[in-house]
Protein backbone atom coordinates (compact mmCIF):
# COMPACT_ATOMS: atom_id res chain seq x y z
CA MET A 1 -6.28 -61.13 48.45
CA ASN A 2 -8.71 -57.91 46.81
CA LEU A 3 -6.44 -58.74 43.21
CA PHE A 4 -6.91 -62.46 43.94
CA ARG A 5 -10.69 -61.94 44.50
CA LEU A 6 -10.48 -59.76 41.33
CA ALA A 7 -8.83 -62.89 39.28
CA LEU A 8 -11.87 -65.32 40.51
CA LEU A 9 -14.32 -62.71 39.55
CA LEU A 10 -12.57 -62.87 36.00
CA VAL A 11 -12.18 -66.22 35.29
CA PRO A 12 -15.93 -67.45 34.85
CA LEU A 13 -16.06 -64.75 32.10
CA LEU A 14 -12.75 -65.91 30.12
CA ASP A 15 -14.01 -69.04 30.49
CA CYS A 16 -17.45 -68.69 28.47
CA PHE A 17 -14.77 -67.38 25.36
CA PRO A 18 -15.36 -69.56 22.71
CA ALA A 19 -11.97 -70.39 20.70
CA THR A 20 -13.59 -68.64 17.16
CA THR A 21 -12.87 -65.19 18.89
CA SER A 22 -9.27 -65.85 17.73
CA ALA A 23 -7.95 -63.47 14.57
CA ALA A 24 -7.38 -67.25 13.00
CA ALA A 25 -10.77 -68.14 13.56
CA LYS A 26 -13.79 -65.17 13.16
CA PRO A 27 -16.67 -66.15 13.40
CA ASN A 28 -19.78 -65.69 11.17
CA VAL A 29 -22.79 -63.24 12.03
CA LEU A 30 -26.32 -64.29 10.77
CA LEU A 31 -28.02 -61.64 11.68
CA LEU A 32 -32.02 -61.81 11.39
CA CYS A 33 -34.07 -58.76 11.38
CA VAL A 34 -38.09 -59.08 11.54
CA ASP A 35 -40.00 -55.96 11.05
CA ASP A 36 -42.74 -55.29 13.18
CA LEU A 37 -42.55 -58.58 15.36
CA LYS A 38 -43.54 -57.92 19.07
CA PRO A 39 -42.50 -60.96 21.36
CA ALA A 40 -45.82 -63.42 20.32
CA LEU A 41 -43.56 -66.16 20.09
CA GLY A 42 -43.69 -69.66 21.77
CA CYS A 43 -40.36 -69.01 23.09
CA TYR A 44 -41.70 -65.97 25.20
CA GLY A 45 -44.66 -67.40 26.39
CA ASP A 46 -47.37 -67.08 24.16
CA ALA A 47 -49.40 -69.73 23.87
CA LEU A 48 -51.47 -68.93 20.85
CA ALA A 49 -48.26 -68.37 18.66
CA LYS A 50 -46.84 -70.90 16.45
CA SER A 51 -43.42 -70.27 16.18
CA PRO A 52 -41.40 -73.36 16.07
CA ASN A 53 -38.63 -72.27 14.54
CA ILE A 54 -37.66 -69.20 16.58
CA ASP A 55 -38.57 -71.39 19.91
CA ARG A 56 -35.24 -73.65 18.38
CA LEU A 57 -33.36 -70.76 18.37
CA ALA A 58 -33.99 -69.78 21.97
CA ALA A 59 -33.48 -73.15 22.83
CA ARG A 60 -29.82 -73.02 21.49
CA GLY A 61 -28.63 -69.22 23.29
CA ALA A 62 -30.25 -66.69 25.20
CA ARG A 63 -33.36 -64.97 25.59
CA PHE A 64 -33.81 -61.05 26.13
CA ASP A 65 -36.86 -60.45 28.03
CA LEU A 66 -36.89 -56.78 28.75
CA ALA A 67 -35.02 -55.59 25.12
CA PHE A 68 -36.60 -52.40 24.22
CA CYS A 69 -35.95 -50.76 21.14
CA ASN A 70 -34.66 -47.38 20.78
CA GLN A 71 -37.85 -45.91 18.74
CA SER A 72 -40.65 -47.37 17.52
CA VAL A 73 -40.17 -46.29 14.26
CA CYS A 74 -38.84 -48.43 11.52
CA ALA A 75 -35.95 -46.35 10.04
CA PRO A 76 -35.11 -44.63 13.55
CA SER A 77 -34.90 -47.85 15.03
CA ARG A 78 -32.41 -49.53 11.90
CA ASN A 79 -30.48 -46.60 12.12
CA ASN A 80 -30.30 -47.06 15.49
CA LEU A 81 -28.63 -51.22 15.12
CA LEU A 82 -26.61 -49.92 12.30
CA LEU A 83 -25.07 -46.86 14.28
CA GLY A 84 -25.32 -48.43 17.54
CA SER A 85 -26.32 -44.78 18.31
CA ARG A 86 -30.08 -43.48 19.51
CA SER A 87 -32.41 -41.50 17.17
CA THR A 88 -32.07 -38.63 20.59
CA SER A 89 -28.29 -38.90 19.97
CA ILE A 90 -27.93 -38.21 16.08
CA GLY A 91 -31.47 -36.13 15.39
CA ILE A 92 -33.43 -38.59 13.04
CA TYR A 93 -36.44 -39.46 14.30
CA GLY A 94 -38.68 -39.92 11.09
CA LEU A 95 -38.73 -42.12 7.66
CA ASP A 96 -37.63 -39.94 5.60
CA ARG A 97 -34.33 -39.13 6.05
CA ASN A 98 -30.83 -41.26 5.65
CA PHE A 99 -28.58 -41.25 8.26
CA ARG A 100 -26.15 -40.00 6.39
CA THR A 101 -27.71 -36.40 7.13
CA ALA A 102 -26.51 -36.01 10.29
CA VAL A 103 -23.56 -38.58 10.82
CA PRO A 104 -21.64 -38.35 6.85
CA ASP A 105 -18.64 -40.25 7.90
CA ALA A 106 -20.28 -42.92 10.53
CA VAL A 107 -19.22 -46.35 10.12
CA THR A 108 -22.17 -48.50 10.72
CA MET A 109 -21.99 -52.23 11.87
CA THR A 110 -21.75 -53.74 8.74
CA GLN A 111 -18.92 -51.96 7.96
CA HIS A 112 -16.82 -51.98 11.00
CA PHE A 113 -17.14 -56.09 10.09
CA MET A 114 -15.74 -55.19 6.68
CA GLN A 115 -13.04 -53.05 7.84
CA HIS A 116 -12.10 -56.58 9.70
CA GLY A 117 -11.80 -59.00 6.83
CA TYR A 118 -16.15 -59.82 6.62
CA ARG A 119 -18.17 -59.69 3.49
CA ALA A 120 -21.40 -58.12 4.58
CA GLU A 121 -24.78 -58.71 2.67
CA ALA A 122 -28.15 -57.58 2.69
CA VAL A 123 -31.48 -59.48 1.47
CA GLY A 124 -34.39 -57.63 2.09
CA LYS A 125 -35.41 -54.91 4.66
CA ILE A 126 -32.18 -54.34 6.78
CA LEU A 127 -32.28 -50.15 6.22
CA HIS A 128 -35.38 -48.76 5.22
CA THR A 129 -36.06 -48.18 1.91
CA GLY A 130 -39.02 -45.75 1.06
CA HIS A 131 -40.94 -42.66 2.76
CA GLY A 132 -38.01 -40.68 0.41
CA ASN A 133 -34.95 -42.85 1.99
CA ARG A 134 -32.76 -44.91 0.79
CA ASP A 135 -30.36 -47.85 1.53
CA ASP A 136 -26.70 -46.97 2.62
CA ASP A 137 -24.26 -48.44 -0.20
CA ALA A 138 -21.26 -48.00 1.91
CA SER A 139 -22.69 -50.23 4.11
CA TRP A 140 -22.68 -53.43 2.02
CA SER A 141 -19.71 -55.19 0.15
CA VAL A 142 -22.26 -56.29 -2.81
CA PRO A 143 -25.07 -54.37 -3.52
CA SER A 144 -28.26 -55.25 -1.35
CA VAL A 145 -31.19 -57.51 -2.72
CA LYS A 146 -34.51 -55.59 -1.89
CA GLU A 147 -37.16 -57.80 -1.42
CA LYS A 148 -40.93 -55.43 -2.06
CA VAL A 149 -42.40 -55.63 2.03
CA VAL A 150 -46.30 -54.14 0.63
CA GLU A 151 -47.60 -57.37 -1.57
CA TYR A 152 -50.41 -58.51 -3.41
CA LEU A 153 -50.94 -61.27 -5.14
CA ASP A 154 -54.71 -60.76 -6.37
CA PRO A 155 -55.26 -57.44 -8.19
CA LYS A 156 -58.93 -56.96 -6.72
CA ASN A 157 -56.48 -56.30 -3.39
CA SER A 158 -54.84 -53.50 -4.98
CA ALA A 159 -57.69 -51.71 -6.33
CA GLY A 160 -57.88 -53.24 -9.49
CA GLY A 161 -54.14 -53.72 -9.91
CA GLN A 162 -53.04 -49.97 -9.23
CA LEU A 163 -50.58 -48.66 -6.61
CA THR A 164 -51.90 -48.03 -3.27
CA ARG A 165 -50.67 -45.15 -0.43
CA GLU A 166 -48.68 -47.73 0.92
CA GLU A 167 -47.19 -49.32 -2.13
CA ALA A 168 -46.05 -46.02 -3.32
CA PHE A 169 -44.44 -44.92 0.07
CA PHE A 170 -42.81 -48.12 0.42
CA THR A 171 -41.35 -47.62 -3.32
CA ASN A 172 -40.69 -43.92 -3.31
CA GLN A 173 -43.14 -43.29 -6.20
CA LYS A 174 -45.95 -40.04 -5.93
CA LEU A 175 -45.15 -39.36 -2.31
CA GLY A 176 -46.57 -36.49 -3.00
CA GLU A 177 -49.66 -37.80 -4.13
CA ILE A 178 -50.40 -40.18 -1.59
CA GLY A 179 -53.69 -39.19 -0.61
CA LYS A 180 -54.95 -39.33 -3.95
CA LEU A 181 -53.64 -42.69 -4.11
CA PRO A 182 -56.31 -46.11 -3.38
CA ARG A 183 -55.82 -48.46 -0.21
CA GLY A 184 -54.98 -51.66 -0.55
CA ALA A 185 -55.90 -54.57 1.60
CA ALA A 186 -54.86 -55.07 4.97
CA THR A 187 -55.24 -58.39 4.06
CA GLU A 188 -54.93 -61.11 1.87
CA ILE A 189 -54.92 -64.66 2.22
CA SER A 190 -53.41 -66.88 -1.21
CA ASP A 191 -53.43 -70.70 -1.39
CA VAL A 192 -49.51 -70.69 -2.75
CA PRO A 193 -46.65 -71.39 -2.43
CA ASP A 194 -44.27 -69.91 0.09
CA ARG A 195 -42.31 -68.19 -2.13
CA ALA A 196 -44.60 -66.07 -3.41
CA TYR A 197 -44.71 -64.02 -1.23
CA ALA A 198 -41.39 -61.78 -0.37
CA ASP A 199 -40.32 -63.72 2.85
CA GLY A 200 -39.96 -66.71 0.81
CA ARG A 201 -37.60 -65.40 -1.67
CA ILE A 202 -35.47 -63.82 0.97
CA ALA A 203 -35.56 -67.21 2.62
CA ASP A 204 -34.07 -69.01 -0.99
CA GLU A 205 -31.26 -65.89 -1.61
CA GLY A 206 -30.36 -66.37 1.78
CA ILE A 207 -29.60 -69.65 1.27
CA GLN A 208 -27.87 -69.27 -1.64
CA ARG A 209 -25.82 -66.73 0.10
CA LEU A 210 -24.66 -69.26 2.56
CA ARG A 211 -23.76 -71.78 0.27
CA ALA A 212 -21.71 -69.56 -1.16
CA ALA A 213 -19.90 -68.40 1.38
CA LYS A 214 -19.22 -71.95 2.59
CA GLU A 215 -17.71 -72.04 -0.72
CA ARG A 216 -15.82 -69.09 -0.06
CA GLY A 217 -14.07 -69.92 3.32
CA ARG A 218 -13.89 -65.99 3.97
CA PRO A 219 -16.01 -65.02 7.44
CA PHE A 220 -19.16 -63.17 6.54
CA PHE A 221 -21.74 -61.28 8.16
CA LEU A 222 -25.66 -61.99 6.60
CA ALA A 223 -28.64 -59.82 7.66
CA LEU A 224 -32.00 -61.25 6.00
CA GLY A 225 -34.55 -58.51 6.74
CA PHE A 226 -37.91 -60.32 7.11
CA VAL A 227 -40.86 -57.81 6.59
CA LYS A 228 -43.54 -60.05 7.58
CA PRO A 229 -45.41 -59.31 10.12
CA HIS A 230 -45.70 -55.65 8.63
CA LEU A 231 -48.74 -54.42 7.07
CA PRO A 232 -50.51 -55.84 4.82
CA LEU A 233 -50.92 -59.02 6.21
CA THR A 234 -50.58 -61.49 3.87
CA ALA A 235 -49.06 -64.96 3.66
CA PRO A 236 -50.06 -68.20 2.24
CA LYS A 237 -53.07 -69.59 3.53
CA LYS A 238 -51.98 -72.48 4.99
CA TYR A 239 -50.42 -70.25 8.25
CA PHE A 240 -53.82 -68.83 7.86
CA ASP A 241 -55.39 -72.36 8.58
CA LEU A 242 -52.99 -73.18 11.70
CA HIS A 243 -55.02 -70.85 13.71
CA ASP A 244 -57.95 -70.52 15.08
CA PRO A 245 -60.14 -67.55 15.35
CA ALA A 246 -62.40 -67.67 17.88
CA LYS A 247 -58.97 -68.47 20.30
CA PHE A 248 -58.04 -64.62 20.24
CA ALA A 249 -59.09 -63.37 22.76
CA LEU A 250 -59.18 -58.94 22.44
CA ALA A 251 -57.26 -56.66 24.58
CA LEU A 252 -59.01 -56.13 27.53
CA ASP A 253 -58.46 -52.42 27.80
CA GLN A 254 -58.89 -50.55 25.05
CA HIS A 255 -59.15 -47.11 26.13
CA ASP A 256 -56.11 -44.49 26.30
CA PRO A 257 -54.24 -44.74 29.62
CA VAL A 258 -55.65 -42.36 32.24
CA GLY A 259 -54.19 -39.52 33.14
CA ALA A 260 -51.75 -39.59 30.19
CA PRO A 261 -51.18 -36.27 27.82
CA LYS A 262 -52.97 -35.70 24.96
CA TYR A 263 -49.98 -36.15 22.74
CA ALA A 264 -48.64 -39.05 24.29
CA ARG A 265 -51.60 -41.40 22.59
CA LYS A 266 -52.33 -42.18 19.11
CA VAL A 267 -55.36 -42.65 16.79
CA GLY A 268 -55.22 -44.49 13.82
CA GLY A 269 -52.33 -43.41 11.71
CA GLU A 270 -50.62 -46.19 9.59
CA ILE A 271 -52.95 -48.74 9.69
CA VAL A 272 -56.20 -46.81 8.15
CA ASN A 273 -54.09 -46.33 4.87
CA TYR A 274 -55.53 -50.21 4.45
CA ASP A 275 -58.91 -50.87 2.98
CA PRO A 276 -61.60 -51.63 4.77
CA LEU A 277 -59.92 -50.16 8.27
CA THR A 278 -61.16 -46.76 9.48
CA VAL A 279 -60.67 -45.74 13.49
CA GLU A 280 -64.44 -46.47 14.04
CA ASN A 281 -64.28 -50.18 12.51
CA LEU A 282 -61.43 -50.89 14.27
CA LYS A 283 -62.98 -50.82 17.55
CA GLN A 284 -65.35 -53.81 16.66
CA ALA A 285 -64.78 -56.93 17.41
CA ASP A 286 -64.78 -58.78 14.55
CA THR A 287 -62.46 -56.48 12.40
CA GLN A 288 -59.64 -56.81 15.76
CA ARG A 289 -60.67 -60.62 15.84
CA ARG A 290 -59.39 -60.65 11.94
CA LEU A 291 -56.47 -58.56 12.53
CA LEU A 292 -55.41 -60.62 15.15
CA HIS A 293 -55.59 -63.74 13.40
CA ALA A 294 -53.74 -61.74 10.26
CA TYR A 295 -50.78 -61.51 12.22
CA TYR A 296 -50.09 -63.82 14.07
CA ALA A 297 -50.21 -66.22 10.78
CA CYS A 298 -47.87 -63.62 9.36
CA VAL A 299 -45.71 -64.33 12.26
CA SER A 300 -46.04 -68.70 11.19
CA TYR A 301 -45.06 -67.97 7.97
CA MET A 302 -41.97 -65.79 8.27
CA ASP A 303 -41.07 -68.06 10.93
CA ALA A 304 -41.36 -71.30 8.44
CA GLN A 305 -39.13 -68.95 5.98
CA LEU A 306 -36.48 -68.48 8.73
CA GLY A 307 -36.76 -71.68 9.51
CA ARG A 308 -35.47 -73.10 6.09
CA VAL A 309 -32.18 -70.57 6.51
CA LEU A 310 -31.11 -72.52 10.35
CA ASP A 311 -31.77 -75.48 8.99
CA GLU A 312 -29.46 -74.98 5.92
CA LEU A 313 -26.96 -73.29 8.19
CA ASP A 314 -26.89 -76.29 10.16
CA ARG A 315 -26.43 -78.51 6.97
CA LEU A 316 -23.63 -76.88 5.81
CA GLY A 317 -22.03 -77.49 9.46
CA LEU A 318 -21.52 -73.72 9.86
CA ALA A 319 -24.06 -73.20 13.51
CA GLN A 320 -20.88 -73.78 15.53
CA SER A 321 -18.51 -71.22 14.45
CA THR A 322 -21.53 -68.53 13.37
CA LEU A 323 -22.96 -65.77 15.54
CA ILE A 324 -26.68 -65.25 15.33
CA VAL A 325 -28.65 -62.73 16.48
CA LEU A 326 -33.05 -62.82 16.18
CA TRP A 327 -34.17 -58.51 16.59
CA GLY A 328 -37.44 -57.52 15.91
CA ASP A 329 -37.04 -53.87 15.25
CA HIS A 330 -39.92 -52.59 17.62
CA GLY A 331 -43.35 -53.81 18.66
CA TRP A 332 -46.62 -53.74 18.01
CA HIS A 333 -50.35 -52.36 19.62
CA LEU A 334 -52.74 -55.54 18.72
CA GLY A 335 -55.80 -53.08 20.00
CA ASP A 336 -54.07 -52.24 23.80
CA HIS A 337 -55.81 -48.57 24.50
CA GLY A 338 -57.57 -49.31 21.24
CA TYR A 339 -53.79 -48.68 19.62
CA TRP A 340 -52.77 -50.46 16.13
CA THR A 341 -49.31 -51.06 14.75
CA LYS A 342 -46.36 -48.84 16.81
CA HIS A 343 -45.44 -45.43 17.18
CA THR A 344 -45.63 -44.80 20.70
CA ASN A 345 -43.83 -44.50 23.92
CA TYR A 346 -45.74 -47.70 25.45
CA GLU A 347 -44.33 -50.98 26.09
CA GLN A 348 -46.59 -52.59 23.48
CA ALA A 349 -44.60 -50.57 20.64
CA ASN A 350 -41.21 -50.84 22.68
CA ARG A 351 -40.76 -54.19 23.90
CA ILE A 352 -39.08 -56.42 21.59
CA PRO A 353 -38.26 -60.04 21.18
CA LEU A 354 -34.13 -60.53 20.93
CA LEU A 355 -32.05 -63.92 20.56
CA VAL A 356 -28.85 -64.52 20.77
CA VAL A 357 -26.52 -67.72 20.26
CA ALA A 358 -22.77 -67.23 20.05
CA PRO A 359 -21.18 -70.48 20.35
CA GLY A 360 -19.50 -71.29 23.78
CA VAL A 361 -20.31 -68.24 25.24
CA THR A 362 -23.92 -68.45 25.36
CA GLN A 363 -26.13 -71.04 27.42
CA PRO A 364 -28.91 -73.04 25.94
CA GLY A 365 -32.28 -71.94 26.67
CA SER A 366 -30.98 -69.29 29.07
CA ALA A 367 -33.27 -65.82 29.90
CA THR A 368 -32.04 -62.80 31.06
CA ARG A 369 -34.10 -60.28 32.64
CA GLN A 370 -31.27 -57.70 32.05
CA PRO A 371 -32.61 -54.49 30.22
CA ALA A 372 -31.72 -54.45 27.01
CA GLU A 373 -31.52 -51.42 23.94
CA THR A 374 -31.24 -52.44 20.27
CA VAL A 375 -28.11 -50.00 20.45
CA ASP A 376 -26.37 -52.36 22.24
CA LEU A 377 -26.00 -54.96 19.17
CA PHE A 378 -23.07 -53.47 17.79
CA PRO A 379 -20.34 -53.43 20.43
CA THR A 380 -22.45 -57.04 21.73
CA LEU A 381 -21.29 -58.25 18.16
CA ALA A 382 -17.95 -56.65 17.72
CA GLU A 383 -16.60 -58.06 21.55
CA LEU A 384 -18.27 -61.61 20.95
CA ALA A 385 -16.34 -61.45 17.10
CA GLY A 386 -13.17 -60.90 18.85
CA LEU A 387 -12.96 -56.88 16.85
CA PRO A 388 -12.46 -53.67 18.63
CA ALA A 389 -15.30 -51.75 19.98
CA PRO A 390 -17.10 -49.41 17.60
CA ALA A 391 -14.80 -46.19 17.91
CA GLY A 392 -17.51 -43.94 15.69
CA PRO A 393 -17.21 -41.13 14.81
CA GLN A 394 -20.96 -41.71 15.24
CA PRO A 395 -21.44 -41.46 18.34
CA ARG A 396 -22.13 -44.64 21.12
CA ASP A 397 -24.74 -45.00 23.49
CA GLY A 398 -24.62 -48.99 23.48
CA LEU A 399 -22.95 -51.58 25.86
CA SER A 400 -22.11 -55.15 25.23
CA LEU A 401 -24.35 -57.82 26.92
CA VAL A 402 -21.72 -60.26 26.52
CA PRO A 403 -20.54 -59.93 30.42
CA VAL A 404 -24.71 -60.65 30.44
CA LEU A 405 -24.48 -63.88 27.64
CA CYS A 406 -21.67 -65.57 30.07
CA ASP A 407 -24.02 -65.22 33.26
CA PRO A 408 -27.84 -63.93 32.59
CA ALA A 409 -28.19 -62.99 36.48
CA ARG A 410 -25.29 -59.72 35.94
CA ARG A 411 -26.50 -56.74 35.73
CA LEU A 412 -24.81 -54.41 33.28
CA ARG A 413 -27.70 -51.10 33.61
CA ASP A 414 -30.99 -50.44 35.56
CA HIS A 415 -32.94 -49.28 32.69
CA ALA A 416 -33.47 -48.97 29.06
CA TYR A 417 -33.87 -45.63 27.25
CA HIS A 418 -36.07 -44.84 24.36
CA ALA A 419 -37.94 -42.12 23.06
CA TYR A 420 -40.45 -40.81 20.60
CA PRO A 421 -41.65 -37.08 19.28
CA ARG A 422 -44.88 -35.75 18.93
CA GLY A 423 -44.57 -32.33 17.18
CA GLU A 424 -42.26 -30.34 19.55
CA ARG A 425 -42.05 -32.25 22.11
CA ILE A 426 -40.19 -35.35 22.49
CA GLY A 427 -40.55 -38.52 25.01
CA ARG A 428 -37.75 -38.67 26.35
CA ALA A 429 -38.15 -43.03 28.24
CA ILE A 430 -36.70 -44.73 30.56
CA ARG A 431 -37.89 -48.62 31.73
CA THR A 432 -36.42 -50.67 34.22
CA GLU A 433 -37.35 -53.47 35.55
CA ARG A 434 -40.37 -52.32 37.34
CA TYR A 435 -41.45 -48.86 36.30
CA ARG A 436 -41.81 -47.10 32.71
CA LEU A 437 -40.58 -43.28 33.16
CA VAL A 438 -41.55 -40.80 30.44
CA GLU A 439 -40.79 -36.73 29.87
CA TRP A 440 -42.12 -35.08 27.23
CA LYS A 441 -40.89 -31.84 26.35
CA LYS A 442 -39.45 -29.75 23.58
CA PRO A 443 -35.69 -30.16 23.91
CA GLY A 444 -33.32 -27.85 25.24
CA ALA A 445 -36.82 -26.51 27.34
CA PRO A 446 -36.67 -25.17 30.50
CA THR A 447 -37.37 -28.77 32.86
CA ASP A 448 -40.32 -27.56 34.80
CA THR A 449 -41.76 -27.22 31.41
CA ALA A 450 -42.10 -31.11 31.33
CA GLU A 451 -45.20 -33.54 31.46
CA PHE A 452 -44.38 -36.70 32.94
CA GLU A 453 -46.27 -40.26 32.56
CA LEU A 454 -45.32 -42.84 34.96
CA TYR A 455 -46.49 -46.62 34.78
CA ASP A 456 -45.55 -48.73 37.36
CA TYR A 457 -45.66 -52.93 35.67
CA GLN A 458 -46.16 -54.18 38.07
CA THR A 459 -49.45 -53.58 39.48
CA ASP A 460 -50.45 -52.01 36.37
CA ALA A 461 -49.72 -54.45 33.40
CA GLY A 462 -51.56 -52.73 30.75
CA GLU A 463 -50.78 -49.25 31.90
CA CYS A 464 -53.84 -48.41 32.35
CA ARG A 465 -53.11 -45.27 34.77
CA ASN A 466 -50.73 -42.49 34.88
CA LEU A 467 -49.20 -42.19 38.39
CA ALA A 468 -46.48 -39.52 38.06
CA ALA A 469 -49.32 -37.60 39.75
CA GLU A 470 -49.51 -40.65 42.37
CA GLN A 471 -46.27 -41.10 43.02
CA PRO A 472 -43.52 -38.20 43.53
CA GLN A 473 -41.35 -40.08 45.13
CA ILE A 474 -40.93 -42.84 42.89
CA LEU A 475 -41.07 -39.97 40.34
CA ALA A 476 -37.94 -38.02 41.66
CA GLN A 477 -36.02 -41.07 41.25
CA LEU A 478 -36.80 -41.44 37.95
CA ARG A 479 -36.02 -38.12 36.88
CA ALA A 480 -32.83 -38.96 38.55
CA VAL A 481 -32.02 -41.51 36.50
CA LEU A 482 -33.16 -39.36 33.06
CA ALA A 483 -30.98 -36.56 33.95
CA ARG A 484 -28.06 -38.89 33.62
CA HIS A 485 -28.89 -39.21 29.73
CA PRO A 486 -27.71 -35.91 27.30
CA GLU A 487 -30.68 -34.06 26.12
CA ALA A 488 -32.83 -34.82 23.37
CA ARG A 489 -31.31 -33.34 19.47
CA LEU A 490 -33.64 -31.29 17.45
CA PRO A 491 -34.51 -32.98 14.48
CA PHE A 492 -33.11 -32.03 11.21
CA ALA A 493 -37.33 -31.34 10.46
CA ASN A 494 -36.38 -28.09 8.78
CA GLN A 495 -32.96 -29.23 7.44
CA PRO A 496 -32.43 -29.71 3.71
CA LYS A 497 -31.77 -33.32 2.86
CA LYS A 498 -28.76 -34.98 1.59
CA ASN A 499 -29.59 -38.33 0.55
CA ALA A 500 -26.16 -40.53 0.78
CA ASN A 501 -27.56 -42.80 -1.97
CA PRO A 502 -30.13 -41.04 -4.34
């Protein structure tokens, strides 16, 4: 009888797999990575968003409502994606170190697919190039195509056409002189064609790669890395015109969470490298509204370029044989707590959009509250493609989400895990459907040296108050969950760099 019941449970899972997972007909993979994209999208219920193409992608497949990055900063998050390893497992938390410093023989997600007959190509920003870091040539069948992350069309926005601070960072120029360089403008509105900015060119190249793949007839893994809405918030004028800046409501609570440790908070950071922004004028309503308007305009611009790629995939007749993933590398603060950009352990910096379309597996227009992590995508895509599970040699921290794609009510874990460093302390965090716990301590230090943050999103969606001292029972329960995870590895900060692709 027990075997009979087990068989009944397995039948739905077996039935949800498409014929394309057979060795004779491997599915293609289209991975759509978007820089600094939070779930400010129509399909996630944002009424001000103009994101029709991402919305129609969500209507084709599964939406994860509780998806989280493993660290809210570009380079580590992209390491997490391609390695399936958390930052706390490999010890790389910064922008400037290639992941092969920690795991020289790692087999990335695209390498894994290449080992099983796929041609892997990258256009735009997939791994992080800049701040002293480089791409990973071994991860691609052909050299990846880079595009500008920081780009101005009007010289007045780059101090008369000079090299600006953030341009220098992203092009690995004058890294020891950043503070001496001029700041570029935070926003730019230009009445230009879409391809005048990088995302339009990324879409153009992506379309050409799809056409070539169709002719080639070999299974492909095409990764397109769109750069907007990353700063500077620059886009063609028509996308600004889609939005009425007067309709944007400012964040209700612009204060640090009550009772949060000082080092958990954020002041300034990346955003004040852009003109005319300062810690003080970021508190002004008109400055905030301009940034909100520009952020949403950039999302609309990126969405239109992504839509062109989806149109071509459909036109070529490839949609039914292609797995599609939309992934944001981390979230973005838009004035909540008084913060802007990422680099915290709070909700708005860590919650990401995650959409998966797997023909014959995902239910169109479905949604799940299964907590998911970036590291889950490697094993998920491998299973959907009928490939062996990732075997390392890097740590394997993700879970295949295929059972959830088959049945959105399924639960594989009761929380998601992420982390962020502050000085010598690492903030290790877990996010359940209701709570977030953050443990702040130096790796290897006794547990009694830790400080904690606890937030209840059922009663306090804005994280206004740290409840760690007020809810000892909940704190103890969540600490026991966190204790199931290994201690965070020390950062590689004091070790010499070994760049894999100098």
